[in-house]
Structures are given as C-alpha cells and as structure tokens.
C-alpha cells in the first residue's frame, strides 16, 4: 500500500495477542480501526490502548465462526467508517491432540473459527475493499500452515487451508486494487495455548511453560504485517523456526516432515 495513514483497518480477534499488537501498530501508523472479538473486556482494553493514536476506533462483538455475525460486522464497519482498506483475519484458536483423541465437536469448533472465519472475513468485506483505490487482505496462517505438525493435525490443516485460500484469492484478484497475503508466525507469546482445547493426556501448565521458553512477542507479527502491507508480498514469515522450516521444506520436504514427526514423538516420550 502506498500509505497507511487515514486508512481504515479491520482486525478480528483484536482483544489480545496478535490482534491487539496489530491494532496498536496500525494505530501508530495513523489508521482508523474497526476491532472485533468475542471478549468484550479485552476488546475494550485494546480500544483504550489505541485511542491516543488512531483517528477513530470502533469495537464490535463478533463471533468469527458465525456467518451472519460476520456479515453484519462488515456492514457495521462500512456504515461507521464509510471506507474499508485493510482486513486482518486474525481470530484463531488451537486444538491439541491426535485424531483418535479429538472429538468431532472440537474439530468442528476449530475449523469454524480458523478457516470459516477467514473465508467470511474475505467474502463479506471484499465488496467494500473493491471500492477503494488500494486495499489489502491479511490472513493469519502459521508455521503449521507450511507443514503438518503431529498433535496439531486439524490446526495444521486449517492453517494450510488459509495459506492455499490466500494464494488462490491473490491470483483471482491479480490486476485489481486488492492485494492478499498470508502471515506465518512460529511460537508467539499469546493466550492461544492457554485457551486451547486439550484432547488427550497432556498437562496445560507444562505445555504453557514449555511454549513460553521459545515464544516471541506478538509485536514481531504486527511489524511483519505492516511490512507486508507496504511491500505487497504474498507471504510473510515470522520467527526463526518458521524461516528454518520453510528453507528445509524446499531442500528436502519428506525428510523435514520426518524430522518434525521425530520431534513430536520425542516430546511424547518426555511428557
């Protein structure tokens, strides 16, 4: 994008973590904000933190997995802000466990938020984005969108779907004023692990402590989002491990997948 100041940015899952960090970063760039989450308290805190920078901030209680809720959200934003330039489809959840351990209800819950939430965000905001001289959709995928991770099978599948969806949509919109990109973080210090559904014997406290040792701050993701908005690149990688996996997958895809599996099996033995 040629400029970010005075652009209207929509962010789902803005009540904490990557969503909050992105809201703060885009507010500092001078963007007006339309923020959504199901966590009203967290959403209001994000709005409070951005108010000194953003020219206008609106908050919206939205369930990203609910089609009509997302449709209404897009209409509310267009009415309140009159423009939509940036959409960051960030809302996401995690589900830990093997296929045998995961219930169908938990699988449906995860797919509803992680994949359908992104589809709804693209579908319902696209008509408004197409009215602008330049616009950009940012879809948050993951390192798990590059390679399947055992114990996070359906999470990996949804994040890979987000990557493929982004690539398809980018080509469909080539030559228009709307760019589309995916962002692939590795371990980010957010509430996603603490809020994950656990199907299986793992201990949440141990998992959170282990994750915290390797995780980096969500500000790094927000910085990458701004960089991709400015460059128009199709894909943005965040965290050292994501760069390493992406590199190895190009060189030796099958061996890299085996290495990922070995790491998971070792973690199961040590758990």
Protein backbone atom coordinates (compact mmCIF):
# COMPACT_ATOMS: atom_id res chain seq x y z
CA UNK A 1 0.00 0.00 0.00
CA UNK A 2 1.24 3.48 -0.80
CA UNK A 3 0.13 4.83 2.55
CA UNK A 4 -1.33 3.64 5.85
CA UNK A 5 -2.27 6.96 7.43
CA UNK A 6 -6.03 7.54 7.50
CA UNK A 7 -6.74 4.07 6.13
CA UNK A 8 -9.49 2.01 7.80
CA UNK A 9 -8.20 -1.30 9.17
CA UNK A 10 -10.44 -4.16 10.30
CA UNK A 11 -8.94 -6.67 12.75
CA UNK A 12 -10.65 -9.79 14.05
CA UNK A 13 -9.54 -11.36 17.32
CA UNK A 14 -8.37 -7.93 18.47
CA UNK A 15 -8.97 -8.49 22.18
CA UNK A 16 -5.47 -9.83 22.87
CA UNK A 17 -2.25 -11.20 21.42
CA UNK A 18 -1.50 -10.67 17.74
CA UNK A 19 -4.77 -8.84 17.18
CA UNK A 20 -4.05 -6.31 19.92
CA UNK A 21 -0.43 -5.82 18.85
CA UNK A 22 -1.54 -5.27 15.25
CA UNK A 23 -4.18 -2.76 16.35
CA UNK A 24 -1.57 -0.80 18.29
CA UNK A 25 0.91 -0.90 15.42
CA UNK A 26 -1.61 0.22 12.80
CA UNK A 27 -2.91 2.93 15.13
CA UNK A 28 0.64 4.25 15.37
CA UNK A 29 0.67 4.39 11.57
CA UNK A 30 -2.44 6.58 11.70
CA UNK A 31 -5.08 4.00 10.74
CA UNK A 32 -8.66 4.17 11.87
CA UNK A 33 -9.65 0.86 13.43
CA UNK A 34 -12.64 -1.47 13.44
CA UNK A 35 -11.89 -4.12 16.06
CA UNK A 36 -13.78 -7.32 16.75
CA UNK A 37 -13.65 -10.13 19.30
CA UNK A 38 -15.95 -12.23 21.47
CA UNK A 39 -14.05 -11.00 24.55
CA UNK A 40 -15.71 -7.68 25.32
CA UNK A 41 -13.35 -6.73 28.16
CA UNK A 42 -10.25 -7.49 26.12
CA UNK A 43 -11.65 -5.63 23.14
CA UNK A 44 -12.35 -2.51 25.17
CA UNK A 45 -8.84 -2.63 26.61
CA UNK A 46 -7.36 -2.76 23.11
CA UNK A 47 -9.52 0.19 22.08
CA UNK A 48 -8.35 2.15 25.12
CA UNK A 49 -4.71 1.47 24.29
CA UNK A 50 -5.12 2.66 20.70
CA UNK A 51 -7.26 5.75 21.29
CA UNK A 52 -4.36 8.19 21.59
CA UNK A 53 -3.04 7.23 18.13
CA UNK A 54 -5.97 6.13 15.99
CA UNK A 55 -8.15 8.86 14.45
CA UNK A 56 -11.23 6.66 15.07
CA UNK A 57 -11.78 3.28 16.71
CA UNK A 58 -14.96 1.23 16.81
CA UNK A 59 -15.46 -2.07 18.64
CA UNK A 60 -17.72 -4.93 17.62
CA UNK A 61 -18.63 -8.11 19.49
CA UNK A 62 -18.37 -10.72 16.74
CA UNK A 63 -18.13 -14.50 16.57
CA UNK A 64 -15.82 -15.08 13.59
CA UNK A 65 -17.29 -18.57 13.07
CA UNK A 66 -20.84 -17.22 12.74
CA UNK A 67 -21.75 -16.34 9.15
CA UNK A 68 -24.45 -13.80 9.99
CA UNK A 69 -22.36 -12.22 12.72
CA UNK A 70 -19.53 -11.65 10.24
CA UNK A 71 -21.90 -10.41 7.55
CA UNK A 72 -23.35 -7.89 9.99
CA UNK A 73 -19.86 -6.88 11.11
CA UNK A 74 -18.85 -5.93 7.57
CA UNK A 75 -21.99 -3.86 7.14
CA UNK A 76 -21.48 -2.14 10.50
CA UNK A 77 -17.91 -1.21 9.66
CA UNK A 78 -18.82 0.18 6.24
CA UNK A 79 -21.56 2.27 7.81
CA UNK A 80 -19.45 3.53 10.72
CA UNK A 81 -16.25 4.26 8.77
CA UNK A 82 -17.52 4.71 5.19
CA UNK A 83 -14.36 3.02 3.91
CA UNK A 84 -12.55 -0.31 4.35
CA UNK A 85 -8.92 -0.51 3.20
CA UNK A 86 -7.34 -3.30 5.27
CA UNK A 87 -8.79 -6.53 6.67
CA UNK A 88 -6.69 -8.64 9.05
CA UNK A 89 -8.34 -12.03 9.53
CA UNK A 90 -6.60 -12.90 12.78
CA UNK A 91 -9.16 -14.66 15.01
CA UNK A 92 -7.93 -18.16 15.74
CA UNK A 93 -7.89 -20.98 18.27
CA UNK A 94 -5.87 -24.14 18.90
CA UNK A 95 -6.78 -27.76 19.50
CA UNK A 96 -4.17 -30.16 20.83
CA UNK A 97 -4.44 -33.92 20.45
CA UNK A 98 -4.31 -36.74 17.94
CA UNK A 99 -7.18 -37.64 15.63
CA UNK A 100 -8.12 -40.51 17.96
CA UNK A 101 -8.23 -38.12 20.92
CA UNK A 102 -10.02 -35.21 19.22
CA UNK A 103 -13.80 -35.15 19.36
CA UNK A 104 -15.75 -34.21 16.25
CA UNK A 105 -17.28 -31.32 18.18
CA UNK A 106 -13.83 -29.88 18.92
CA UNK A 107 -12.74 -30.36 15.32
CA UNK A 108 -15.82 -28.51 14.06
CA UNK A 109 -15.23 -25.70 16.58
CA UNK A 110 -11.66 -25.19 15.37
CA UNK A 111 -12.48 -25.32 11.66
CA UNK A 112 -15.33 -22.87 12.19
CA UNK A 113 -13.06 -20.19 13.64
CA UNK A 114 -9.72 -20.83 11.94
CA UNK A 115 -10.97 -21.43 8.41
CA UNK A 116 -14.55 -20.29 8.02
CA UNK A 117 -13.78 -17.12 9.97
CA UNK A 118 -11.16 -16.25 7.35
CA UNK A 119 -13.50 -17.13 4.49
CA UNK A 120 -16.26 -14.96 5.93
CA UNK A 121 -13.84 -12.08 6.50
CA UNK A 122 -12.73 -12.20 2.87
CA UNK A 123 -16.18 -12.78 1.40
CA UNK A 124 -18.13 -10.12 3.29
CA UNK A 125 -15.51 -7.37 3.24
CA UNK A 126 -14.39 -7.86 -0.36
CA UNK A 127 -17.20 -5.76 -1.93
CA UNK A 128 -16.18 -2.82 0.26
CA UNK A 129 -12.46 -3.30 -0.37
CA UNK A 130 -13.08 -3.29 -4.12
CA UNK A 131 -14.46 0.23 -3.90
CA UNK A 132 -11.10 1.59 -2.74
CA UNK A 133 -8.18 2.66 -4.92
CA UNK A 134 -5.97 0.24 -2.97
CA UNK A 135 -6.78 -2.37 -0.35
CA UNK A 136 -5.22 -5.39 1.30
CA UNK A 137 -6.40 -8.59 2.98
CA UNK A 138 -4.05 -10.16 5.53
CA UNK A 139 -4.84 -13.74 6.58
CA UNK A 140 -3.02 -15.12 9.63
CA UNK A 141 -1.76 -18.63 8.96
CA UNK A 142 1.10 -20.26 10.88
CA UNK A 143 4.30 -22.24 10.65
CA UNK A 144 1.79 -25.12 10.84
CA UNK A 145 0.40 -23.88 7.55
CA UNK A 146 3.69 -24.86 5.89
CA UNK A 147 4.00 -28.38 7.28
CA UNK A 148 1.72 -30.72 9.21
CA UNK A 149 2.53 -30.95 12.93
CA UNK A 150 1.56 -34.15 14.78
CA UNK A 151 -0.71 -33.49 17.74
CA UNK A 152 -1.92 -30.36 15.97
CA UNK A 153 -3.32 -32.10 12.92
CA UNK A 154 -6.53 -30.19 12.35
CA UNK A 155 -4.95 -26.91 13.46
CA UNK A 156 -2.27 -27.54 10.81
CA UNK A 157 -4.95 -28.38 8.25
CA UNK A 158 -6.85 -25.14 8.85
CA UNK A 159 -3.69 -23.07 8.65
CA UNK A 160 -2.65 -24.80 5.43
CA UNK A 161 -6.15 -24.10 4.12
CA UNK A 162 -5.69 -20.43 4.98
CA UNK A 163 -2.41 -20.41 3.03
CA UNK A 164 -3.96 -22.08 -0.02
CA UNK A 165 -7.04 -19.87 0.18
CA UNK A 166 -4.81 -16.80 0.26
CA UNK A 167 -2.79 -17.94 -2.75
CA UNK A 168 -5.94 -18.69 -4.76
CA UNK A 169 -7.61 -15.42 -3.86
CA UNK A 170 -4.44 -13.47 -4.63
CA UNK A 171 -4.49 -14.79 -8.19
CA UNK A 172 -8.23 -14.21 -8.57
CA UNK A 173 -7.69 -10.56 -7.59
CA UNK A 174 -4.48 -10.01 -9.55
CA UNK A 175 -4.70 -6.77 -11.51
CA UNK A 176 -7.31 -5.29 -9.19
CA UNK A 177 -6.66 -2.88 -6.36
CA UNK A 178 -6.92 -5.61 -3.71
CA UNK A 179 -3.81 -7.47 -2.57
CA UNK A 180 -3.95 -10.65 -0.46
CA UNK A 181 -1.21 -12.04 1.80
CA UNK A 182 -0.72 -14.71 4.46
CA UNK A 183 1.38 -14.35 7.61
CA UNK A 184 3.12 -17.39 9.12
CA UNK A 185 4.19 -16.97 12.75
CA UNK A 186 6.03 -19.60 14.74
CA UNK A 187 5.79 -19.59 18.53
CA UNK A 188 4.19 -16.32 19.62
CA UNK A 189 3.56 -15.37 23.25
CA UNK A 190 -0.23 -15.04 23.19
CA UNK A 191 -3.16 -16.62 25.03
CA UNK A 192 -3.76 -19.19 22.28
CA UNK A 193 -2.02 -22.00 24.21
CA UNK A 194 -3.75 -21.15 27.47
CA UNK A 195 -7.11 -21.08 25.71
CA UNK A 196 -6.52 -24.16 23.56
CA UNK A 197 -8.77 -27.18 23.88
CA UNK A 198 -6.77 -30.19 25.04
CA UNK A 199 -7.91 -33.64 23.93
CA UNK A 200 -5.52 -36.11 25.47
CA UNK A 201 -3.25 -36.62 28.49
CA UNK A 202 -1.04 -33.51 28.17
CA UNK A 203 -0.79 -31.07 31.08
CA UNK A 204 -1.77 -27.48 30.24
CA UNK A 205 0.64 -25.90 32.73
CA UNK A 206 3.62 -27.88 31.42
CA UNK A 207 2.67 -27.12 27.83
CA UNK A 208 2.38 -23.39 28.56
CA UNK A 209 5.74 -23.31 30.35
CA UNK A 210 7.48 -25.15 27.51
CA UNK A 211 5.88 -22.89 24.90
CA UNK A 212 6.86 -19.74 26.83
CA UNK A 213 10.55 -20.72 26.67
CA UNK A 214 10.55 -20.42 22.88
CA UNK A 215 7.83 -17.87 22.15
CA UNK A 216 8.49 -14.31 20.98
CA UNK A 217 6.27 -11.27 21.41
CA UNK A 218 3.27 -10.55 19.17
CA UNK A 219 4.85 -7.21 18.24
CA UNK A 220 7.04 -9.13 15.78
CA UNK A 221 3.94 -10.31 13.94
CA UNK A 222 2.49 -6.81 13.90
CA UNK A 223 5.72 -5.45 12.44
CA UNK A 224 5.67 -8.15 9.74
CA UNK A 225 2.06 -7.30 8.87
CA UNK A 226 2.99 -3.65 8.34
CA UNK A 227 5.98 -4.70 6.25
CA UNK A 228 3.79 -6.92 4.04
CA UNK A 229 1.16 -4.21 3.70
CA UNK A 230 3.84 -1.90 2.35
CA UNK A 231 5.59 -4.43 0.11
CA UNK A 232 2.57 -6.34 -1.16
CA UNK A 233 4.39 -9.67 -0.73
CA UNK A 234 2.25 -12.79 -0.88
CA UNK A 235 3.73 -14.37 2.25
CA UNK A 236 5.31 -13.08 5.44
CA UNK A 237 7.32 -15.39 7.72
CA UNK A 238 7.81 -14.62 11.42
CA UNK A 239 10.21 -16.30 13.89
CA UNK A 240 13.47 -18.13 13.26
CA UNK A 241 11.88 -21.59 13.29
CA UNK A 242 9.46 -20.62 10.51
CA UNK A 243 12.31 -19.48 8.26
CA UNK A 244 14.24 -22.69 9.02
CA UNK A 245 11.27 -24.97 8.25
CA UNK A 246 10.43 -23.06 5.06
CA UNK A 247 14.05 -23.39 3.89
CA UNK A 248 14.30 -27.09 4.71
CA UNK A 249 10.98 -27.86 3.04
CA UNK A 250 12.36 -26.50 -0.23
CA UNK A 251 15.51 -28.63 0.06
CA UNK A 252 14.16 -31.88 1.45
CA UNK A 253 10.41 -31.89 2.06
CA UNK A 254 9.98 -35.53 3.09
CA UNK A 255 13.00 -35.54 5.40
CA UNK A 256 11.82 -32.31 7.02
CA UNK A 257 8.41 -33.83 7.71
CA UNK A 258 10.08 -36.86 9.27
CA UNK A 259 12.16 -34.54 11.47
CA UNK A 260 9.00 -32.79 12.65
CA UNK A 261 7.45 -36.16 13.46
CA UNK A 262 10.58 -37.27 15.33
CA UNK A 263 10.45 -34.14 17.45
CA UNK A 264 6.82 -34.77 18.32
CA UNK A 265 7.42 -38.43 19.26
CA UNK A 266 10.33 -37.40 21.46
CA UNK A 267 8.14 -34.83 23.23
CA UNK A 268 5.54 -37.55 23.89
CA UNK A 269 8.15 -39.79 25.50
CA UNK A 270 9.42 -36.94 27.70
CA UNK A 271 5.94 -35.74 28.68
